[in-house]
């Protein structure tokens, strides 16, 4: 079971990584992560944790942690 869960986690991270590029919004990254969780029958841990509204934290550049996905488009050179 542990291997299966680790594989699932890896596939979710890989799916998010594939969409990260200039012009993509952090909301789109969140949608991909959420959909991938649903595909596996899993529940994204951040969603509704202490009222966190999204399925993934997307910290861009100077945001240290817990960035909330929004309509901000990524730019070339952004660190995610």
PDB file of N, CA and C in Angstrom:
ATOM      1  N   UNK A   1       0.814  -1.198   0.000  1.00  0.00           N
ATOM      2  CA  UNK A   1       0.000   0.000   0.000  1.00  0.00           C
ATOM      3  C   UNK A   1       0.857   1.261   0.000  1.00  0.00           C
ATOM      4  N   UNK A   2       1.942   1.239   0.741  1.00  0.00           N
ATOM      5  CA  UNK A   2       2.801   2.420   0.812  1.00  0.00           C
ATOM      6  C   UNK A   2       3.377   2.755  -0.562  1.00  0.00           C
ATOM      7  N   UNK A   3       3.806   1.746  -1.298  1.00  0.00           N
ATOM      8  CA  UNK A   3       4.340   1.996  -2.642  1.00  0.00           C
ATOM      9  C   UNK A   3       3.282   2.608  -3.550  1.00  0.00           C
ATOM     10  N   UNK A   4       2.050   2.112  -3.429  1.00  0.00           N
ATOM     11  CA  UNK A   4       0.966   2.638  -4.262  1.00  0.00           C
ATOM     12  C   UNK A   4       0.692   4.105  -3.929  1.00  0.00           C
ATOM     13  N   UNK A   5       0.702   4.447  -2.656  1.00  0.00           N
ATOM     14  CA  UNK A   5       0.467   5.829  -2.237  1.00  0.00           C
ATOM     15  C   UNK A   5       1.613   6.725  -2.696  1.00  0.00           C
ATOM     16  N   UNK A   6       2.828   6.242  -2.588  1.00  0.00           N
ATOM     17  CA  UNK A   6       3.985   7.019  -3.050  1.00  0.00           C
ATOM     18  C   UNK A   6       3.928   7.238  -4.561  1.00  0.00           C
ATOM     19  N   UNK A   7       3.521   6.216  -5.295  1.00  0.00           N
ATOM     20  CA  UNK A   7       3.396   6.338  -6.748  1.00  0.00           C
ATOM     21  C   UNK A   7       2.316   7.368  -7.096  1.00  0.00           C
ATOM     22  N   UNK A   8       1.204   7.334  -6.372  1.00  0.00           N
ATOM     23  CA  UNK A   8       0.131   8.289  -6.590  1.00  0.00           C
ATOM     24  C   UNK A   8       0.639   9.718  -6.349  1.00  0.00           C
ATOM     25  N   UNK A   9       1.336   9.926  -5.246  1.00  0.00           N
ATOM     26  CA  UNK A   9       1.901  11.239  -4.943  1.00  0.00           C
ATOM     27  C   UNK A   9       2.843  11.718  -6.033  1.00  0.00           C
ATOM     28  N   UNK A  10       3.671  10.810  -6.506  1.00  0.00           N
ATOM     29  CA  UNK A  10       4.616  11.153  -7.576  1.00  0.00           C
ATOM     30  C   UNK A  10       3.877  11.555  -8.846  1.00  0.00           C
ATOM     31  N   UNK A  11       2.815  10.844  -9.185  1.00  0.00           N
ATOM     32  CA  UNK A  11       2.047  11.160 -10.390  1.00  0.00           C
ATOM     33  C   UNK A  11       1.337  12.500 -10.271  1.00  0.00           C
ATOM     34  N   UNK A  12       0.881  12.839  -9.075  1.00  0.00           N
ATOM     35  CA  UNK A  12       0.233  14.136  -8.865  1.00  0.00           C
ATOM     36  C   UNK A  12       1.252  15.259  -9.023  1.00  0.00           C
ATOM     37  N   UNK A  13       2.417  15.097  -8.428  1.00  0.00           N
ATOM     38  CA  UNK A  13       3.476  16.108  -8.558  1.00  0.00           C
ATOM     39  C   UNK A  13       3.905  16.235 -10.018  1.00  0.00           C
ATOM     40  N   UNK A  14       4.053  15.121 -10.706  1.00  0.00           N
ATOM     41  CA  UNK A  14       4.448  15.159 -12.114  1.00  0.00           C
ATOM     42  C   UNK A  14       3.400  15.879 -12.962  1.00  0.00           C
ATOM     43  N   UNK A  15       2.120  15.646 -12.681  1.00  0.00           N
ATOM     44  CA  UNK A  15       1.048  16.311 -13.434  1.00  0.00           C
ATOM     45  C   UNK A  15       1.120  17.825 -13.235  1.00  0.00           C
ATOM     46  N   UNK A  16       1.353  18.249 -11.992  1.00  0.00           N
ATOM     47  CA  UNK A  16       1.487  19.685 -11.708  1.00  0.00           C
ATOM     48  C   UNK A  16       2.709  20.250 -12.435  1.00  0.00           C
ATOM     49  N   UNK A  17       3.803  19.525 -12.375  1.00  0.00           N
ATOM     50  CA  UNK A  17       5.050  19.992 -13.002  1.00  0.00           C
ATOM     51  C   UNK A  17       4.883  20.185 -14.507  1.00  0.00           C
ATOM     52  N   UNK A  18       4.118  19.306 -15.144  1.00  0.00           N
ATOM     53  CA  UNK A  18       3.937  19.394 -16.599  1.00  0.00           C
ATOM     54  C   UNK A  18       3.226  20.678 -17.033  1.00  0.00           C
ATOM     55  N   UNK A  19       2.376  21.250 -16.191  1.00  0.00           N
ATOM     56  CA  UNK A  19       1.632  22.443 -16.610  1.00  0.00           C
ATOM     57  C   UNK A  19       2.293  23.750 -16.203  1.00  0.00           C
ATOM     58  N   UNK A  20       3.351  23.695 -15.401  1.00  0.00           N
ATOM     59  CA  UNK A  20       4.006  24.918 -14.940  1.00  0.00           C
ATOM     60  C   UNK A  20       4.876  25.479 -16.066  1.00  0.00           C
ATOM     61  N   UNK A  21       4.413  26.637 -16.585  1.00  0.00           N
ATOM     62  CA  UNK A  21       5.143  27.329 -17.641  1.00  0.00           C
ATOM     63  C   UNK A  21       4.596  28.746 -17.723  1.00  0.00           C
ATOM     64  N   UNK A  22       5.315  29.648 -18.353  1.00  0.00           N
ATOM     65  CA  UNK A  22       4.822  31.020 -18.478  1.00  0.00           C
ATOM     66  C   UNK A  22       3.431  31.070 -19.108  1.00  0.00           C
ATOM     67  N   UNK A  23       2.577  31.926 -18.530  1.00  0.00           N
ATOM     68  CA  UNK A  23       1.223  32.102 -19.040  1.00  0.00           C
ATOM     69  C   UNK A  23       0.163  31.285 -18.321  1.00  0.00           C
ATOM     70  N   UNK A  24       0.590  30.234 -17.625  1.00  0.00           N
ATOM     71  CA  UNK A  24      -0.352  29.393 -16.876  1.00  0.00           C
ATOM     72  C   UNK A  24      -0.640  30.069 -15.545  1.00  0.00           C
ATOM     73  N   UNK A  25      -1.901  30.026 -15.111  1.00  0.00           N
ATOM     74  CA  UNK A  25      -2.240  30.599 -13.810  1.00  0.00           C
ATOM     75  C   UNK A  25      -2.035  29.564 -12.712  1.00  0.00           C
ATOM     76  N   UNK A  26      -1.863  30.061 -11.499  1.00  0.00           N
ATOM     77  CA  UNK A  26      -1.733  29.132 -10.373  1.00  0.00           C
ATOM     78  C   UNK A  26      -3.071  28.432 -10.111  1.00  0.00           C
ATOM     79  N   UNK A  27      -4.189  29.052 -10.511  1.00  0.00           N
ATOM     80  CA  UNK A  27      -5.494  28.379 -10.436  1.00  0.00           C
ATOM     81  C   UNK A  27      -5.517  27.142 -11.334  1.00  0.00           C
ATOM     82  N   UNK A  28      -4.895  27.232 -12.494  1.00  0.00           N
ATOM     83  CA  UNK A  28      -4.834  26.086 -13.407  1.00  0.00           C
ATOM     84  C   UNK A  28      -4.005  24.959 -12.792  1.00  0.00           C
ATOM     85  N   UNK A  29      -2.917  25.291 -12.147  1.00  0.00           N
ATOM     86  CA  UNK A  29      -2.111  24.273 -11.456  1.00  0.00           C
ATOM     87  C   UNK A  29      -2.973  23.603 -10.389  1.00  0.00           C
ATOM     88  N   UNK A  30      -3.728  24.400  -9.651  1.00  0.00           N
ATOM     89  CA  UNK A  30      -4.611  23.853  -8.621  1.00  0.00           C
ATOM     90  C   UNK A  30      -5.647  22.916  -9.228  1.00  0.00           C
ATOM     91  N   UNK A  31      -6.222  23.298 -10.368  1.00  0.00           N
ATOM     92  CA  UNK A  31      -7.227  22.447 -11.013  1.00  0.00           C
ATOM     93  C   UNK A  31      -6.642  21.102 -11.418  1.00  0.00           C
ATOM     94  N   UNK A  32      -5.438  21.132 -11.974  1.00  0.00           N
ATOM     95  CA  UNK A  32      -4.769  19.893 -12.386  1.00  0.00           C
ATOM     96  C   UNK A  32      -4.518  18.995 -11.170  1.00  0.00           C
ATOM     97  N   UNK A  33      -4.022  19.587 -10.094  1.00  0.00           N
ATOM     98  CA  UNK A  33      -3.744  18.819  -8.881  1.00  0.00           C
ATOM     99  C   UNK A  33      -5.035  18.246  -8.301  1.00  0.00           C
ATOM    100  N   UNK A  34      -6.079  19.062  -8.257  1.00  0.00           N
ATOM    101  CA  UNK A  34      -7.366  18.597  -7.726  1.00  0.00           C
ATOM    102  C   UNK A  34      -7.925  17.449  -8.574  1.00  0.00           C
ATOM    103  N   UNK A  35      -7.923  17.632  -9.892  1.00  0.00           N
ATOM    104  CA  UNK A  35      -8.448  16.595 -10.785  1.00  0.00           C
ATOM    105  C   UNK A  35      -7.679  15.291 -10.655  1.00  0.00           C
ATOM    106  N   UNK A  36      -6.376  15.388 -10.514  1.00  0.00           N
ATOM    107  CA  UNK A  36      -5.557  14.176 -10.383  1.00  0.00           C
ATOM    108  C   UNK A  36      -5.880  13.449  -9.075  1.00  0.00           C
ATOM    109  N   UNK A  37      -6.086  14.200  -8.002  1.00  0.00           N
ATOM    110  CA  UNK A  37      -6.504  13.571  -6.744  1.00  0.00           C
ATOM    111  C   UNK A  37      -7.822  12.825  -6.946  1.00  0.00           C
ATOM    112  N   UNK A  38      -8.785  13.476  -7.598  1.00  0.00           N
ATOM    113  CA  UNK A  38     -10.091  12.862  -7.818  1.00  0.00           C
ATOM    114  C   UNK A  38      -9.965  11.599  -8.668  1.00  0.00           C
ATOM    115  N   UNK A  39      -9.087  11.649  -9.653  1.00  0.00           N
ATOM    116  CA  UNK A  39      -8.850  10.489 -10.511  1.00  0.00           C
ATOM    117  C   UNK A  39      -8.411   9.280  -9.677  1.00  0.00           C
ATOM    118  N   UNK A  40      -7.642   9.533  -8.632  1.00  0.00           N
ATOM    119  CA  UNK A  40      -7.163   8.460  -7.758  1.00  0.00           C
ATOM    120  C   UNK A  40      -8.134   8.144  -6.618  1.00  0.00           C
ATOM    121  N   UNK A  41      -9.226   8.888  -6.537  1.00  0.00           N
ATOM    122  CA  UNK A  41     -10.160   8.675  -5.434  1.00  0.00           C
ATOM    123  C   UNK A  41      -9.600   9.181  -4.118  1.00  0.00           C
ATOM    124  N   UNK A  42      -8.732  10.182  -4.194  1.00  0.00           N
ATOM    125  CA  UNK A  42      -8.073  10.745  -3.010  1.00  0.00           C
ATOM    126  C   UNK A  42      -8.615  12.143  -2.733  1.00  0.00           C
ATOM    127  N   UNK A  43      -8.322  12.644  -1.547  1.00  0.00           N
ATOM    128  CA  UNK A  43      -8.750  13.985  -1.152  1.00  0.00           C
ATOM    129  C   UNK A  43      -7.508  14.839  -0.917  1.00  0.00           C
ATOM    130  N   UNK A  44      -7.397  15.996  -1.575  1.00  0.00           N
ATOM    131  CA  UNK A  44      -6.214  16.845  -1.403  1.00  0.00           C
ATOM    132  C   UNK A  44      -6.123  17.376   0.034  1.00  0.00           C
ATOM    133  N   UNK A  45      -5.056  17.087   0.708  1.00  0.00           N
ATOM    134  CA  UNK A  45      -4.902  17.453   2.126  1.00  0.00           C
ATOM    135  C   UNK A  45      -5.088  18.949   2.418  1.00  0.00           C
ATOM    136  N   UNK A  46      -4.588  19.861   1.594  1.00  0.00           N
ATOM    137  CA  UNK A  46      -4.750  21.280   1.942  1.00  0.00           C
ATOM    138  C   UNK A  46      -6.192  21.786   1.847  1.00  0.00           C
ATOM    139  N   UNK A  47      -7.012  21.161   1.009  1.00  0.00           N
ATOM    140  CA  UNK A  47      -8.358  21.657   0.744  1.00  0.00           C
ATOM    141  C   UNK A  47      -9.200  21.687   2.021  1.00  0.00           C
ATOM    142  N   UNK A  48      -9.636  22.878   2.373  1.00  0.00           N
ATOM    143  CA  UNK A  48     -10.458  23.144   3.564  1.00  0.00           C
ATOM    144  C   UNK A  48      -9.737  22.949   4.898  1.00  0.00           C
ATOM    145  N   UNK A  49      -8.429  22.741   4.876  1.00  0.00           N
ATOM    146  CA  UNK A  49      -7.674  22.658   6.121  1.00  0.00           C
ATOM    147  C   UNK A  49      -7.582  24.068   6.703  1.00  0.00           C
ATOM    148  N   UNK A  50      -8.182  24.281   7.833  1.00  0.00           N
ATOM    149  CA  UNK A  50      -8.285  25.619   8.436  1.00  0.00           C
ATOM    150  C   UNK A  50      -8.799  26.626   7.405  1.00  0.00           C
ATOM    151  N   UNK A  51      -9.803  26.190   6.645  1.00  0.00           N
ATOM    152  CA  UNK A  51     -10.477  27.006   5.633  1.00  0.00           C
ATOM    153  C   UNK A  51      -9.607  27.359   4.420  1.00  0.00           C
ATOM    154  N   UNK A  52      -8.516  26.629   4.206  1.00  0.00           N
ATOM    155  CA  UNK A  52      -7.709  26.869   2.999  1.00  0.00           C
ATOM    156  C   UNK A  52      -8.570  26.508   1.789  1.00  0.00           C
ATOM    157  N   UNK A  53      -8.716  27.426   0.820  1.00  0.00           N
ATOM    158  CA  UNK A  53      -9.707  27.245  -0.240  1.00  0.00           C
ATOM    159  C   UNK A  53      -9.277  26.410  -1.447  1.00  0.00           C
ATOM    160  N   UNK A  54      -8.057  25.935  -1.487  1.00  0.00           N
ATOM    161  CA  UNK A  54      -7.566  25.263  -2.696  1.00  0.00           C
ATOM    162  C   UNK A  54      -6.960  23.902  -2.369  1.00  0.00           C
ATOM    163  N   UNK A  55      -6.617  23.155  -3.435  1.00  0.00           N
ATOM    164  CA  UNK A  55      -6.092  21.799  -3.291  1.00  0.00           C
ATOM    165  C   UNK A  55      -4.577  21.739  -3.205  1.00  0.00           C
ATOM    166  N   UNK A  56      -3.914  22.856  -3.492  1.00  0.00           N
ATOM    167  CA  UNK A  56      -2.452  22.888  -3.457  1.00  0.00           C
ATOM    168  C   UNK A  56      -1.999  24.299  -3.072  1.00  0.00           C
ATOM    169  N   UNK A  57      -0.866  24.393  -2.434  1.00  0.00           N
ATOM    170  CA  UNK A  57      -0.256  25.690  -2.155  1.00  0.00           C
ATOM    171  C   UNK A  57       0.665  26.009  -3.334  1.00  0.00           C
ATOM    172  N   UNK A  58       0.552  27.213  -3.856  1.00  0.00           N
ATOM    173  CA  UNK A  58       1.421  27.620  -4.962  1.00  0.00           C
ATOM    174  C   UNK A  58       2.161  28.885  -4.565  1.00  0.00           C
ATOM    175  N   UNK A  59       3.330  28.707  -4.048  1.00  0.00           N
ATOM    176  CA  UNK A  59       4.146  29.831  -3.613  1.00  0.00           C
ATOM    177  C   UNK A  59       5.048  30.255  -4.758  1.00  0.00           C
ATOM    178  N   UNK A  60       4.877  31.492  -5.204  1.00  0.00           N
ATOM    179  CA  UNK A  60       5.635  32.006  -6.344  1.00  0.00           C
ATOM    180  C   UNK A  60       6.596  33.086  -5.858  1.00  0.00           C
ATOM    181  N   UNK A  61       7.860  32.922  -6.246  1.00  0.00           N
ATOM    182  CA  UNK A  61       8.924  33.882  -5.962  1.00  0.00           C
ATOM    183  C   UNK A  61       9.064  34.192  -4.481  1.00  0.00           C
ATOM    184  N   UNK A  62       8.746  35.430  -4.057  1.00  0.00           N
ATOM    185  CA  UNK A  62       9.013  35.845  -2.679  1.00  0.00           C
ATOM    186  C   UNK A  62       8.006  35.308  -1.672  1.00  0.00           C
ATOM    187  N   UNK A  63       6.938  34.652  -2.120  1.00  0.00           N
ATOM    188  CA  UNK A  63       5.974  34.041  -1.194  1.00  0.00           C
ATOM    189  C   UNK A  63       6.649  32.807  -0.617  1.00  0.00           C
ATOM    190  N   UNK A  64       6.825  32.798   0.689  1.00  0.00           N
ATOM    191  CA  UNK A  64       7.602  31.728   1.324  1.00  0.00           C
ATOM    192  C   UNK A  64       6.826  30.425   1.370  1.00  0.00           C
ATOM    193  N   UNK A  65       5.568  30.462   1.771  1.00  0.00           N
ATOM    194  CA  UNK A  65       4.788  29.228   1.848  1.00  0.00           C
ATOM    195  C   UNK A  65       3.300  29.543   1.856  1.00  0.00           C
ATOM    196  N   UNK A  66       2.504  28.526   1.598  1.00  0.00           N
ATOM    197  CA  UNK A  66       1.038  28.596   1.662  1.00  0.00           C
ATOM    198  C   UNK A  66       0.430  29.625   0.722  1.00  0.00           C
ATOM    199  N   UNK A  67       1.034  29.807  -0.447  1.00  0.00           N
ATOM    200  CA  UNK A  67       0.444  30.702  -1.439  1.00  0.00           C
ATOM    201  C   UNK A  67      -0.874  30.132  -1.936  1.00  0.00           C
ATOM    202  N   UNK A  68      -1.889  30.965  -2.021  1.00  0.00           N
ATOM    203  CA  UNK A  68      -3.204  30.528  -2.481  1.00  0.00           C
ATOM    204  C   UNK A  68      -3.297  30.742  -3.986  1.00  0.00           C
ATOM    205  N   UNK A  69      -3.581  29.671  -4.744  1.00  0.00           N
ATOM    206  CA  UNK A  69      -3.695  29.805  -6.193  1.00  0.00           C
ATOM    207  C   UNK A  69      -4.737  30.854  -6.577  1.00  0.00           C
ATOM    208  N   UNK A  70      -4.431  31.581  -7.653  1.00  0.00           N
ATOM    209  CA  UNK A  70      -5.350  32.604  -8.146  1.00  0.00           C
ATOM    210  C   UNK A  70      -5.142  32.763  -9.654  1.00  0.00           C
ATOM    211  N   UNK A  71      -5.619  33.856 -10.199  1.00  0.00           N
ATOM    212  CA  UNK A  71      -5.556  34.066 -11.649  1.00  0.00           C
ATOM    213  C   UNK A  71      -4.223  34.671 -12.112  1.00  0.00           C
ATOM    214  N   UNK A  72      -3.268  34.787 -11.204  1.00  0.00           N
ATOM    215  CA  UNK A  72      -1.949  35.319 -11.576  1.00  0.00           C
ATOM    216  C   UNK A  72      -1.295  34.383 -12.593  1.00  0.00           C
ATOM    217  N   UNK A  73      -0.889  34.947 -13.715  1.00  0.00           N
ATOM    218  CA  UNK A  73      -0.192  34.146 -14.713  1.00  0.00           C
ATOM    219  C   UNK A  73       1.290  34.088 -14.373  1.00  0.00           C
ATOM    220  N   UNK A  74       1.851  32.912 -14.527  1.00  0.00           N
ATOM    221  CA  UNK A  74       3.282  32.759 -14.295  1.00  0.00           C
ATOM    222  C   UNK A  74       4.047  33.465 -15.409  1.00  0.00           C
ATOM    223  N   UNK A  75       5.174  34.021 -15.038  1.00  0.00           N
ATOM    224  CA  UNK A  75       6.044  34.687 -15.994  1.00  0.00           C
ATOM    225  C   UNK A  75       7.335  33.901 -16.130  1.00  0.00           C
ATOM    226  N   UNK A  76       8.017  34.110 -17.244  1.00  0.00           N
ATOM    227  CA  UNK A  76       9.303  33.448 -17.453  1.00  0.00           C
ATOM    228  C   UNK A  76      10.253  33.812 -16.321  1.00  0.00           C
ATOM    229  N   UNK A  77      10.854  32.826 -15.701  1.00  0.00           N
ATOM    230  CA  UNK A  77      11.789  33.059 -14.620  1.00  0.00           C
ATOM    231  C   UNK A  77      11.176  32.956 -13.234  1.00  0.00           C
ATOM    232  N   UNK A  78       9.848  32.855 -13.126  1.00  0.00           N
ATOM    233  CA  UNK A  78       9.203  32.690 -11.823  1.00  0.00           C
ATOM    234  C   UNK A  78       9.655  31.391 -11.167  1.00  0.00           C
ATOM    235  N   UNK A  79       9.832  31.442  -9.876  1.00  0.00           N
ATOM    236  CA  UNK A  79      10.105  30.239  -9.086  1.00  0.00           C
ATOM    237  C   UNK A  79       8.789  29.798  -8.452  1.00  0.00           C
ATOM    238  N   UNK A  80       8.436  28.543  -8.654  1.00  0.00           N
ATOM    239  CA  UNK A  80       7.184  28.024  -8.102  1.00  0.00           C
ATOM    240  C   UNK A  80       7.519  26.945  -7.095  1.00  0.00           C
TER     241      UNK A  80
END
